[in-house]
């Protein structure tokens, strides 16, 4: 076909142009239409929520947002949820970073088993998990009262910092943490880096801290962000076990102070977006440095 076109052009004719693909403009229009619909779907409820929080009888006011720091119970619930999130992130990373590295470098045959185990929290309903946890905690006064085991159970349920929530949240976060870290490990040549570090005399803890964590920085940030979002938004387990966290506090005040509860929800959503944008910016900056 190309030779024929050249022959025609050489004989004084006009070579046929490349046929344009039909439907390309239509596909672009559909793409923009879908983006507009999704934008309206997400932005309209948020705009309505913001309008609800700033609307007053005599006009518009930001007084509701100014009342958030001094609201009754806000500081305690928010700091408690932050502490739970921080502990959950640390424990989940301590458990999963060595596991992911070991499975990918030394025990690839166990990859399927580990993946199935980390998927169990998604298969098991959270309500079933929390009912089982509550049943086990009820054993302390019934069967182990006056023993060190009962004291340990009581310590796990301390209202100021309920460690039982930390352990449950670690289990719930395992699927997200493992997927984020596994994607980072597969995209990096960890085998060469770890072997080079080991040949230079570095111990495995030193390799994890000095080699693995810098390489998996973006994956660790993604896993931490997902875990933070999970803990800061989890309601069912906390309310069934009887602890007041940030989400349960929002629900508790929603009946008496609806504008305040919606304002806090909007601010938490904005903070979540900012964290996500920050992680994306760090990832983009790292990619730029690596390309240069």
C-alpha atoms as a PDB file:
ATOM      1  CA  UNK A   1       0.000   0.000   0.000  1.00  0.00           C
ATOM      2  CA  UNK A   2       2.863   2.383   0.778  1.00  0.00           C
ATOM      3  CA  UNK A   3       4.738   1.557  -2.434  1.00  0.00           C
ATOM      4  CA  UNK A   4       1.599   2.186  -4.468  1.00  0.00           C
ATOM      5  CA  UNK A   5       1.090   5.574  -2.823  1.00  0.00           C
ATOM      6  CA  UNK A   6       4.702   6.554  -3.546  1.00  0.00           C
ATOM      7  CA  UNK A   7       4.321   5.496  -7.164  1.00  0.00           C
ATOM      8  CA  UNK A   8       1.194   7.572  -7.567  1.00  0.00           C
ATOM      9  CA  UNK A   9       2.886  10.582  -5.967  1.00  0.00           C
ATOM     10  CA  UNK A  10       5.896  10.183  -8.205  1.00  0.00           C
ATOM     11  CA  UNK A  11       3.681  10.111 -11.312  1.00  0.00           C
ATOM     12  CA  UNK A  12       2.324  13.548 -10.493  1.00  0.00           C
ATOM     13  CA  UNK A  13      -0.593  12.308  -8.479  1.00  0.00           C
ATOM     14  CA  UNK A  14      -1.453  13.084  -4.885  1.00  0.00           C
ATOM     15  CA  UNK A  15      -0.640  10.498  -2.260  1.00  0.00           C
ATOM     16  CA  UNK A  16      -3.665   9.523  -0.205  1.00  0.00           C
ATOM     17  CA  UNK A  17      -3.531  10.822   3.341  1.00  0.00           C
ATOM     18  CA  UNK A  18      -3.637   8.656   6.409  1.00  0.00           C
ATOM     19  CA  UNK A  19      -7.261   7.881   7.206  1.00  0.00           C
ATOM     20  CA  UNK A  20      -8.441   9.564  10.378  1.00  0.00           C
ATOM     21  CA  UNK A  21      -9.759   7.386  13.158  1.00  0.00           C
ATOM     22  CA  UNK A  22     -13.437   7.800  13.564  1.00  0.00           C
ATOM     23  CA  UNK A  23     -14.957   8.214  16.965  1.00  0.00           C
ATOM     24  CA  UNK A  24     -11.863   9.731  18.557  1.00  0.00           C
ATOM     25  CA  UNK A  25     -13.496  13.102  19.153  1.00  0.00           C
ATOM     26  CA  UNK A  26     -16.601  11.393  20.424  1.00  0.00           C
ATOM     27  CA  UNK A  27     -14.521   9.375  22.909  1.00  0.00           C
ATOM     28  CA  UNK A  28     -12.902  12.578  24.188  1.00  0.00           C
ATOM     29  CA  UNK A  29     -16.317  14.175  24.651  1.00  0.00           C
ATOM     30  CA  UNK A  30     -17.556  11.178  26.579  1.00  0.00           C
ATOM     31  CA  UNK A  31     -14.460  11.328  28.763  1.00  0.00           C
ATOM     32  CA  UNK A  32     -15.136  14.927  29.693  1.00  0.00           C
ATOM     33  CA  UNK A  33     -18.810  14.172  30.265  1.00  0.00           C
ATOM     34  CA  UNK A  34     -17.959  11.366  32.692  1.00  0.00           C
ATOM     35  CA  UNK A  35     -15.509  13.608  34.541  1.00  0.00           C
ATOM     36  CA  UNK A  36     -18.112  16.357  34.826  1.00  0.00           C
ATOM     37  CA  UNK A  37     -20.754  13.946  36.127  1.00  0.00           C
ATOM     38  CA  UNK A  38     -18.334  12.508  38.688  1.00  0.00           C
ATOM     39  CA  UNK A  39     -17.263  15.999  39.736  1.00  0.00           C
ATOM     40  CA  UNK A  40     -20.870  17.055  40.261  1.00  0.00           C
ATOM     41  CA  UNK A  41     -21.602  13.810  42.111  1.00  0.00           C
ATOM     42  CA  UNK A  42     -18.774  14.415  44.584  1.00  0.00           C
ATOM     43  CA  UNK A  43     -18.665  18.193  44.830  1.00  0.00           C
ATOM     44  CA  UNK A  44     -22.374  18.986  45.176  1.00  0.00           C
ATOM     45  CA  UNK A  45     -22.834  17.080  48.496  1.00  0.00           C
ATOM     46  CA  UNK A  46     -19.635  18.636  49.863  1.00  0.00           C
ATOM     47  CA  UNK A  47     -20.744  22.116  48.815  1.00  0.00           C
ATOM     48  CA  UNK A  48     -24.144  21.509  50.389  1.00  0.00           C
ATOM     49  CA  UNK A  49     -22.464  20.414  53.617  1.00  0.00           C
ATOM     50  CA  UNK A  50     -20.264  23.507  53.685  1.00  0.00           C
ATOM     51  CA  UNK A  51     -23.284  25.741  53.036  1.00  0.00           C
ATOM     52  CA  UNK A  52     -25.156  24.030  55.871  1.00  0.00           C
ATOM     53  CA  UNK A  53     -22.297  24.754  58.284  1.00  0.00           C
ATOM     54  CA  UNK A  54     -21.886  28.450  57.398  1.00  0.00           C
ATOM     55  CA  UNK A  55     -25.540  29.392  56.895  1.00  0.00           C
ATOM     56  CA  UNK A  56     -27.079  31.552  59.619  1.00  0.00           C
ATOM     57  CA  UNK A  57     -30.345  33.420  59.945  1.00  0.00           C
ATOM     58  CA  UNK A  58     -28.657  36.762  59.412  1.00  0.00           C
ATOM     59  CA  UNK A  59     -26.276  35.640  56.648  1.00  0.00           C
ATOM     60  CA  UNK A  60     -23.076  33.629  56.447  1.00  0.00           C
ATOM     61  CA  UNK A  61     -20.755  32.932  59.383  1.00  0.00           C
ATOM     62  CA  UNK A  62     -17.707  30.790  60.152  1.00  0.00           C
ATOM     63  CA  UNK A  63     -18.550  30.630  63.845  1.00  0.00           C
ATOM     64  CA  UNK A  64     -19.267  26.907  63.681  1.00  0.00           C
ATOM     65  CA  UNK A  65     -15.710  26.182  62.545  1.00  0.00           C
ATOM     66  CA  UNK A  66     -14.300  28.468  65.242  1.00  0.00           C
ATOM     67  CA  UNK A  67     -16.178  26.439  67.883  1.00  0.00           C
ATOM     68  CA  UNK A  68     -14.573  23.130  66.905  1.00  0.00           C
ATOM     69  CA  UNK A  69     -11.373  23.316  69.036  1.00  0.00           C
ATOM     70  CA  UNK A  70     -13.333  24.200  72.174  1.00  0.00           C
ATOM     71  CA  UNK A  71     -16.189  21.755  71.655  1.00  0.00           C
ATOM     72  CA  UNK A  72     -16.858  19.423  74.565  1.00  0.00           C
ATOM     73  CA  UNK A  73     -15.090  16.099  74.072  1.00  0.00           C
ATOM     74  CA  UNK A  74     -13.456  17.046  70.768  1.00  0.00           C
ATOM     75  CA  UNK A  75      -9.872  17.234  72.012  1.00  0.00           C
ATOM     76  CA  UNK A  76     -10.076  13.949  73.920  1.00  0.00           C
ATOM     77  CA  UNK A  77     -11.733  12.009  71.105  1.00  0.00           C
ATOM     78  CA  UNK A  78      -9.492  13.444  68.396  1.00  0.00           C
ATOM     79  CA  UNK A  79      -6.228  12.870  70.268  1.00  0.00           C
ATOM     80  CA  UNK A  80      -7.359   9.371  71.218  1.00  0.00           C
ATOM     81  CA  UNK A  81      -8.043   8.506  67.587  1.00  0.00           C
ATOM     82  CA  UNK A  82      -4.701   9.991  66.521  1.00  0.00           C
ATOM     83  CA  UNK A  83      -2.913   7.907  69.159  1.00  0.00           C
ATOM     84  CA  UNK A  84      -4.754   4.786  68.014  1.00  0.00           C
ATOM     85  CA  UNK A  85      -3.875   5.564  64.390  1.00  0.00           C
ATOM     86  CA  UNK A  86      -0.201   6.147  65.190  1.00  0.00           C
ATOM     87  CA  UNK A  87       0.108   2.910  67.149  1.00  0.00           C
ATOM     88  CA  UNK A  88      -1.740   0.989  64.448  1.00  0.00           C
ATOM     89  CA  UNK A  89       0.550   2.338  61.732  1.00  0.00           C
ATOM     90  CA  UNK A  90       3.701   1.487  63.684  1.00  0.00           C
ATOM     91  CA  UNK A  91       2.621  -2.046  64.590  1.00  0.00           C
ATOM     92  CA  UNK A  92       1.313  -2.810  61.094  1.00  0.00           C
ATOM     93  CA  UNK A  93       4.538  -1.621  59.449  1.00  0.00           C
ATOM     94  CA  UNK A  94       6.734  -3.476  61.946  1.00  0.00           C
ATOM     95  CA  UNK A  95       4.820  -6.649  61.162  1.00  0.00           C
ATOM     96  CA  UNK A  96       4.418  -6.312  57.414  1.00  0.00           C
ATOM     97  CA  UNK A  97       7.646  -4.711  56.131  1.00  0.00           C
ATOM     98  CA  UNK A  98       9.880  -7.646  57.210  1.00  0.00           C
ATOM     99  CA  UNK A  99       7.172 -10.106  56.121  1.00  0.00           C
ATOM    100  CA  UNK A 100       6.859  -8.657  52.616  1.00  0.00           C
ATOM    101  CA  UNK A 101      10.635  -8.449  52.163  1.00  0.00           C
ATOM    102  CA  UNK A 102      11.153 -11.996  53.446  1.00  0.00           C
ATOM    103  CA  UNK A 103       8.409 -13.433  51.241  1.00  0.00           C
ATOM    104  CA  UNK A 104       9.693 -11.701  48.108  1.00  0.00           C
ATOM    105  CA  UNK A 105      13.400 -12.433  48.671  1.00  0.00           C
ATOM    106  CA  UNK A 106      13.604 -15.697  50.579  1.00  0.00           C
ATOM    107  CA  UNK A 107      10.225 -17.453  50.630  1.00  0.00           C
ATOM    108  CA  UNK A 108       8.424 -16.817  47.318  1.00  0.00           C
ATOM    109  CA  UNK A 109       6.520 -20.092  47.719  1.00  0.00           C
ATOM    110  CA  UNK A 110       4.641 -18.590  50.657  1.00  0.00           C
ATOM    111  CA  UNK A 111       3.393 -15.586  48.667  1.00  0.00           C
ATOM    112  CA  UNK A 112      -0.013 -17.149  47.999  1.00  0.00           C
ATOM    113  CA  UNK A 113      -0.431 -18.186  51.620  1.00  0.00           C
ATOM    114  CA  UNK A 114       0.466 -14.747  52.928  1.00  0.00           C
ATOM    115  CA  UNK A 115      -1.860 -13.072  50.425  1.00  0.00           C
ATOM    116  CA  UNK A 116      -4.739 -15.297  51.501  1.00  0.00           C
ATOM    117  CA  UNK A 117      -4.063 -14.597  55.180  1.00  0.00           C
ATOM    118  CA  UNK A 118      -3.993 -10.852  54.616  1.00  0.00           C
ATOM    119  CA  UNK A 119      -7.275 -11.063  52.702  1.00  0.00           C
ATOM    120  CA  UNK A 120      -9.095 -12.679  55.621  1.00  0.00           C
ATOM    121  CA  UNK A 121     -10.117  -9.335  57.216  1.00  0.00           C
ATOM    122  CA  UNK A 122     -11.897  -8.468  53.966  1.00  0.00           C
ATOM    123  CA  UNK A 123     -13.673 -11.813  53.866  1.00  0.00           C
ATOM    124  CA  UNK A 124     -14.664 -11.843  57.543  1.00  0.00           C
ATOM    125  CA  UNK A 125     -17.335  -9.190  58.300  1.00  0.00           C
ATOM    126  CA  UNK A 126     -16.166  -6.612  60.858  1.00  0.00           C
ATOM    127  CA  UNK A 127     -19.322  -7.141  62.892  1.00  0.00           C
ATOM    128  CA  UNK A 128     -18.450 -10.840  63.298  1.00  0.00           C
ATOM    129  CA  UNK A 129     -14.899  -9.923  64.293  1.00  0.00           C
ATOM    130  CA  UNK A 130     -15.970  -7.429  66.948  1.00  0.00           C
ATOM    131  CA  UNK A 131     -18.596  -9.802  68.386  1.00  0.00           C
ATOM    132  CA  UNK A 132     -15.917 -12.456  68.762  1.00  0.00           C
ATOM    133  CA  UNK A 133     -13.531  -9.983  70.396  1.00  0.00           C
ATOM    134  CA  UNK A 134     -16.213  -8.843  72.830  1.00  0.00           C
ATOM    135  CA  UNK A 135     -17.010 -12.438  73.743  1.00  0.00           C
ATOM    136  CA  UNK A 136     -13.346 -13.143  74.492  1.00  0.00           C
ATOM    137  CA  UNK A 137     -13.039  -9.982  76.603  1.00  0.00           C
ATOM    138  CA  UNK A 138     -16.076 -11.093  78.612  1.00  0.00           C
ATOM    139  CA  UNK A 139     -14.129 -14.125  79.801  1.00  0.00           C
ATOM    140  CA  UNK A 140     -12.005 -11.978  82.119  1.00  0.00           C
ATOM    141  CA  UNK A 141     -14.614 -11.343  84.868  1.00  0.00           C
ATOM    142  CA  UNK A 142     -16.354 -14.679  84.321  1.00  0.00           C
ATOM    143  CA  UNK A 143     -13.471 -17.158  84.293  1.00  0.00           C
ATOM    144  CA  UNK A 144     -10.188 -15.393  85.097  1.00  0.00           C
ATOM    145  CA  UNK A 145     -11.114 -12.845  87.743  1.00  0.00           C
ATOM    146  CA  UNK A 146      -8.226 -12.182  90.122  1.00  0.00           C
ATOM    147  CA  UNK A 147      -5.594 -13.608  87.778  1.00  0.00           C
ATOM    148  CA  UNK A 148      -2.887 -11.806  85.787  1.00  0.00           C
ATOM    149  CA  UNK A 149      -4.738 -12.720  82.585  1.00  0.00           C
ATOM    150  CA  UNK A 150      -7.817 -10.856  83.778  1.00  0.00           C
ATOM    151  CA  UNK A 151      -5.684  -7.815  84.636  1.00  0.00           C
ATOM    152  CA  UNK A 152      -4.232  -7.913  81.133  1.00  0.00           C
ATOM    153  CA  UNK A 153      -7.727  -8.050  79.648  1.00  0.00           C
ATOM    154  CA  UNK A 154      -8.780  -5.086  81.777  1.00  0.00           C
ATOM    155  CA  UNK A 155      -5.684  -3.131  80.709  1.00  0.00           C
ATOM    156  CA  UNK A 156      -6.546  -3.705  77.053  1.00  0.00           C
ATOM    157  CA  UNK A 157      -9.898  -2.011  77.672  1.00  0.00           C
ATOM    158  CA  UNK A 158      -8.573   1.143  79.332  1.00  0.00           C
ATOM    159  CA  UNK A 159     -10.890   3.945  78.087  1.00  0.00           C
ATOM    160  CA  UNK A 160      -8.074   6.507  77.852  1.00  0.00           C
ATOM    161  CA  UNK A 161      -6.150   4.360  75.345  1.00  0.00           C
ATOM    162  CA  UNK A 162      -7.945   1.098  74.414  1.00  0.00           C
ATOM    163  CA  UNK A 163      -5.200  -1.167  73.129  1.00  0.00           C
ATOM    164  CA  UNK A 164      -7.788  -3.721  72.071  1.00  0.00           C
ATOM    165  CA  UNK A 165      -8.853  -1.285  69.343  1.00  0.00           C
ATOM    166  CA  UNK A 166      -5.231  -1.007  68.193  1.00  0.00           C
ATOM    167  CA  UNK A 167      -4.937  -4.760  67.740  1.00  0.00           C
ATOM    168  CA  UNK A 168      -8.275  -5.007  65.941  1.00  0.00           C
ATOM    169  CA  UNK A 169      -7.367  -2.098  63.663  1.00  0.00           C
ATOM    170  CA  UNK A 170      -4.030  -3.752  62.829  1.00  0.00           C
ATOM    171  CA  UNK A 171      -5.940  -6.815  61.648  1.00  0.00           C
ATOM    172  CA  UNK A 172      -8.301  -4.676  59.563  1.00  0.00           C
ATOM    173  CA  UNK A 173      -5.395  -2.753  58.006  1.00  0.00           C
ATOM    174  CA  UNK A 174      -3.395  -5.827  56.948  1.00  0.00           C
ATOM    175  CA  UNK A 175      -4.900  -6.122  53.420  1.00  0.00           C
ATOM    176  CA  UNK A 176      -4.189  -2.481  52.579  1.00  0.00           C
ATOM    177  CA  UNK A 177      -0.719  -2.408  54.126  1.00  0.00           C
ATOM    178  CA  UNK A 178       0.356  -5.624  52.443  1.00  0.00           C
ATOM    179  CA  UNK A 179      -0.884  -4.569  48.990  1.00  0.00           C
ATOM    180  CA  UNK A 180       0.824  -1.175  49.208  1.00  0.00           C
ATOM    181  CA  UNK A 181       4.149  -2.648  50.345  1.00  0.00           C
ATOM    182  CA  UNK A 182       4.024  -5.576  47.929  1.00  0.00           C
ATOM    183  CA  UNK A 183       3.530  -3.217  44.982  1.00  0.00           C
ATOM    184  CA  UNK A 184       6.578  -1.216  46.054  1.00  0.00           C
ATOM    185  CA  UNK A 185       8.729  -4.316  46.494  1.00  0.00           C
ATOM    186  CA  UNK A 186       7.807  -5.664  43.065  1.00  0.00           C
ATOM    187  CA  UNK A 187       8.688  -2.360  41.453  1.00  0.00           C
ATOM    188  CA  UNK A 188      12.156  -2.190  43.017  1.00  0.00           C
ATOM    189  CA  UNK A 189      15.237  -4.371  42.570  1.00  0.00           C
ATOM    190  CA  UNK A 190      15.461  -5.218  46.263  1.00  0.00           C
ATOM    191  CA  UNK A 191      17.306  -8.472  45.728  1.00  0.00           C
ATOM    192  CA  UNK A 192      20.357  -6.754  44.244  1.00  0.00           C
ATOM    193  CA  UNK A 193      20.336  -3.979  46.844  1.00  0.00           C
ATOM    194  CA  UNK A 194      19.964  -6.292  49.828  1.00  0.00           C
ATOM    195  CA  UNK A 195      22.631  -8.703  48.557  1.00  0.00           C
ATOM    196  CA  UNK A 196      25.026  -5.809  48.043  1.00  0.00           C
ATOM    197  CA  UNK A 197      24.369  -4.542  51.562  1.00  0.00           C
ATOM    198  CA  UNK A 198      24.797  -8.016  53.047  1.00  0.00           C
ATOM    199  CA  UNK A 199      28.073  -8.515  51.138  1.00  0.00           C
ATOM    200  CA  UNK A 200      29.322  -5.265  52.668  1.00  0.00           C
ATOM    201  CA  UNK A 201      28.661  -6.668  56.132  1.00  0.00           C
ATOM    202  CA  UNK A 202      25.330  -5.028  57.024  1.00  0.00           C
ATOM    203  CA  UNK A 203      23.021  -6.953  59.337  1.00  0.00           C
ATOM    204  CA  UNK A 204      19.400  -7.624  58.394  1.00  0.00           C
ATOM    205  CA  UNK A 205      18.049  -4.915  60.750  1.00  0.00           C
ATOM    206  CA  UNK A 206      20.508  -2.445  59.208  1.00  0.00           C
ATOM    207  CA  UNK A 207      19.438  -3.548  55.716  1.00  0.00           C
ATOM    208  CA  UNK A 208      15.771  -2.970  56.562  1.00  0.00           C
ATOM    209  CA  UNK A 209      16.406   0.486  57.991  1.00  0.00           C
ATOM    210  CA  UNK A 210      19.076   1.774  55.594  1.00  0.00           C
ATOM    211  CA  UNK A 211      18.142   0.042  52.316  1.00  0.00           C
ATOM    212  CA  UNK A 212      14.586  -1.254  52.300  1.00  0.00           C
ATOM    213  CA  UNK A 213      12.775   1.653  53.956  1.00  0.00           C
ATOM    214  CA  UNK A 214      14.320   4.375  51.723  1.00  0.00           C
ATOM    215  CA  UNK A 215      13.445   2.369  48.614  1.00  0.00           C
ATOM    216  CA  UNK A 216       9.900   1.715  49.854  1.00  0.00           C
ATOM    217  CA  UNK A 217       9.354   5.241  51.177  1.00  0.00           C
ATOM    218  CA  UNK A 218       6.378   5.959  48.927  1.00  0.00           C
ATOM    219  CA  UNK A 219       4.833   2.551  49.611  1.00  0.00           C
ATOM    220  CA  UNK A 220       5.257   3.041  53.357  1.00  0.00           C
ATOM    221  CA  UNK A 221       3.614   6.469  53.101  1.00  0.00           C
ATOM    222  CA  UNK A 222       0.714   4.999  51.131  1.00  0.00           C
ATOM    223  CA  UNK A 223       0.260   2.203  53.646  1.00  0.00           C
ATOM    224  CA  UNK A 224       0.416   4.686  56.524  1.00  0.00           C
ATOM    225  CA  UNK A 225      -2.137   6.956  54.856  1.00  0.00           C
ATOM    226  CA  UNK A 226      -4.567   4.090  54.238  1.00  0.00           C
ATOM    227  CA  UNK A 227      -4.221   2.918  57.827  1.00  0.00           C
ATOM    228  CA  UNK A 228      -4.694   6.444  59.171  1.00  0.00           C
ATOM    229  CA  UNK A 229      -7.838   6.906  57.078  1.00  0.00           C
ATOM    230  CA  UNK A 230      -9.157   3.539  58.250  1.00  0.00           C
ATOM    231  CA  UNK A 231      -8.664   4.277  61.941  1.00  0.00           C
ATOM    232  CA  UNK A 232      -9.914   7.865  61.798  1.00  0.00           C
ATOM    233  CA  UNK A 233     -13.100   6.772  60.053  1.00  0.00           C
ATOM    234  CA  UNK A 234     -13.889   3.477  61.798  1.00  0.00           C
ATOM    235  CA  UNK A 235     -17.146   3.595  63.778  1.00  0.00           C
ATOM    236  CA  UNK A 236     -18.723   0.149  64.154  1.00  0.00           C
ATOM    237  CA  UNK A 237     -16.059  -1.628  66.215  1.00  0.00           C
ATOM    238  CA  UNK A 238     -15.491   1.328  68.540  1.00  0.00           C
ATOM    239  CA  UNK A 239     -19.169   1.848  69.294  1.00  0.00           C
ATOM    240  CA  UNK A 240     -19.878  -1.857  69.864  1.00  0.00           C
ATOM    241  CA  UNK A 241     -16.936  -2.184  72.261  1.00  0.00           C
ATOM    242  CA  UNK A 242     -18.080   0.978  74.044  1.00  0.00           C
ATOM    243  CA  UNK A 243     -15.173   3.362  73.370  1.00  0.00           C
ATOM    244  CA  UNK A 244     -15.456   6.971  72.269  1.00  0.00           C
ATOM    245  CA  UNK A 245     -13.276   7.784  69.299  1.00  0.00           C
ATOM    246  CA  UNK A 246     -13.416  10.607  66.790  1.00  0.00           C
ATOM    247  CA  UNK A 247     -16.167   9.053  64.587  1.00  0.00           C
ATOM    248  CA  UNK A 248     -18.311   8.036  67.564  1.00  0.00           C
ATOM    249  CA  UNK A 249     -17.972  11.550  69.004  1.00  0.00           C
ATOM    250  CA  UNK A 250     -19.200  13.051  65.720  1.00  0.00           C
ATOM    251  CA  UNK A 251     -22.248  10.785  65.768  1.00  0.00           C
ATOM    252  CA  UNK A 252     -22.923  11.544  69.444  1.00  0.00           C
ATOM    253  CA  UNK A 253     -23.050  15.313  68.939  1.00  0.00           C
ATOM    254  CA  UNK A 254     -24.928  15.138  65.638  1.00  0.00           C
ATOM    255  CA  UNK A 255     -28.290  15.122  67.388  1.00  0.00           C
ATOM    256  CA  UNK A 256     -27.709  18.185  69.570  1.00  0.00           C
ATOM    257  CA  UNK A 257     -25.192  20.084  67.376  1.00  0.00           C
ATOM    258  CA  UNK A 258     -25.733  19.071  63.745  1.00  0.00           C
ATOM    259  CA  UNK A 259     -23.830  22.013  62.247  1.00  0.00           C
ATOM    260  CA  UNK A 260     -20.794  21.281  64.396  1.00  0.00           C
ATOM    261  CA  UNK A 261     -20.753  17.593  63.493  1.00  0.00           C
ATOM    262  CA  UNK A 262     -20.996  18.356  59.770  1.00  0.00           C
ATOM    263  CA  UNK A 263     -18.269  21.012  60.056  1.00  0.00           C
ATOM    264  CA  UNK A 264     -15.918  18.525  61.731  1.00  0.00           C
ATOM    265  CA  UNK A 265     -16.679  15.954  59.025  1.00  0.00           C
ATOM    266  CA  UNK A 266     -15.902  18.489  56.290  1.00  0.00           C
ATOM    267  CA  UNK A 267     -12.606  19.443  57.940  1.00  0.00           C
ATOM    268  CA  UNK A 268     -11.581  15.799  58.329  1.00  0.00           C
ATOM    269  CA  UNK A 269     -12.332  15.254  54.641  1.00  0.00           C
ATOM    270  CA  UNK A 270     -10.205  18.266  53.702  1.00  0.00           C
ATOM    271  CA  UNK A 271      -7.328  17.027  55.865  1.00  0.00           C
ATOM    272  CA  UNK A 272      -7.566  13.611  54.203  1.00  0.00           C
ATOM    273  CA  UNK A 273      -7.362  15.199  50.770  1.00  0.00           C
ATOM    274  CA  UNK A 274      -4.363  17.285  51.804  1.00  0.00           C
ATOM    275  CA  UNK A 275      -2.544  14.189  53.066  1.00  0.00           C
ATOM    276  CA  UNK A 276      -3.281  12.375  49.817  1.00  0.00           C
ATOM    277  CA  UNK A 277      -2.014  15.315  47.764  1.00  0.00           C
ATOM    278  CA  UNK A 278       1.121  15.494  49.900  1.00  0.00           C
ATOM    279  CA  UNK A 279       1.871  11.809  49.325  1.00  0.00           C
ATOM    280  CA  UNK A 280       1.288  12.245  45.582  1.00  0.00           C
ATOM    281  CA  UNK A 281       3.622  15.257  45.536  1.00  0.00           C
ATOM    282  CA  UNK A 282       6.342  13.313  47.351  1.00  0.00           C
ATOM    283  CA  UNK A 283       5.965  10.412  44.939  1.00  0.00           C
ATOM    284  CA  UNK A 284       6.152  12.760  41.934  1.00  0.00           C
ATOM    285  CA  UNK A 285       9.188  14.538  43.369  1.00  0.00           C
ATOM    286  CA  UNK A 286      10.943  11.240  43.945  1.00  0.00           C
ATOM    287  CA  UNK A 287      10.184  10.133  40.378  1.00  0.00           C
ATOM    288  CA  UNK A 288      11.621  13.385  39.027  1.00  0.00           C
ATOM    289  CA  UNK A 289      14.815  12.945  41.030  1.00  0.00           C
ATOM    290  CA  UNK A 290      15.241   9.359  39.853  1.00  0.00           C
ATOM    291  CA  UNK A 291      14.710  10.341  36.199  1.00  0.00           C
ATOM    292  CA  UNK A 292      17.348  13.077  36.412  1.00  0.00           C
END
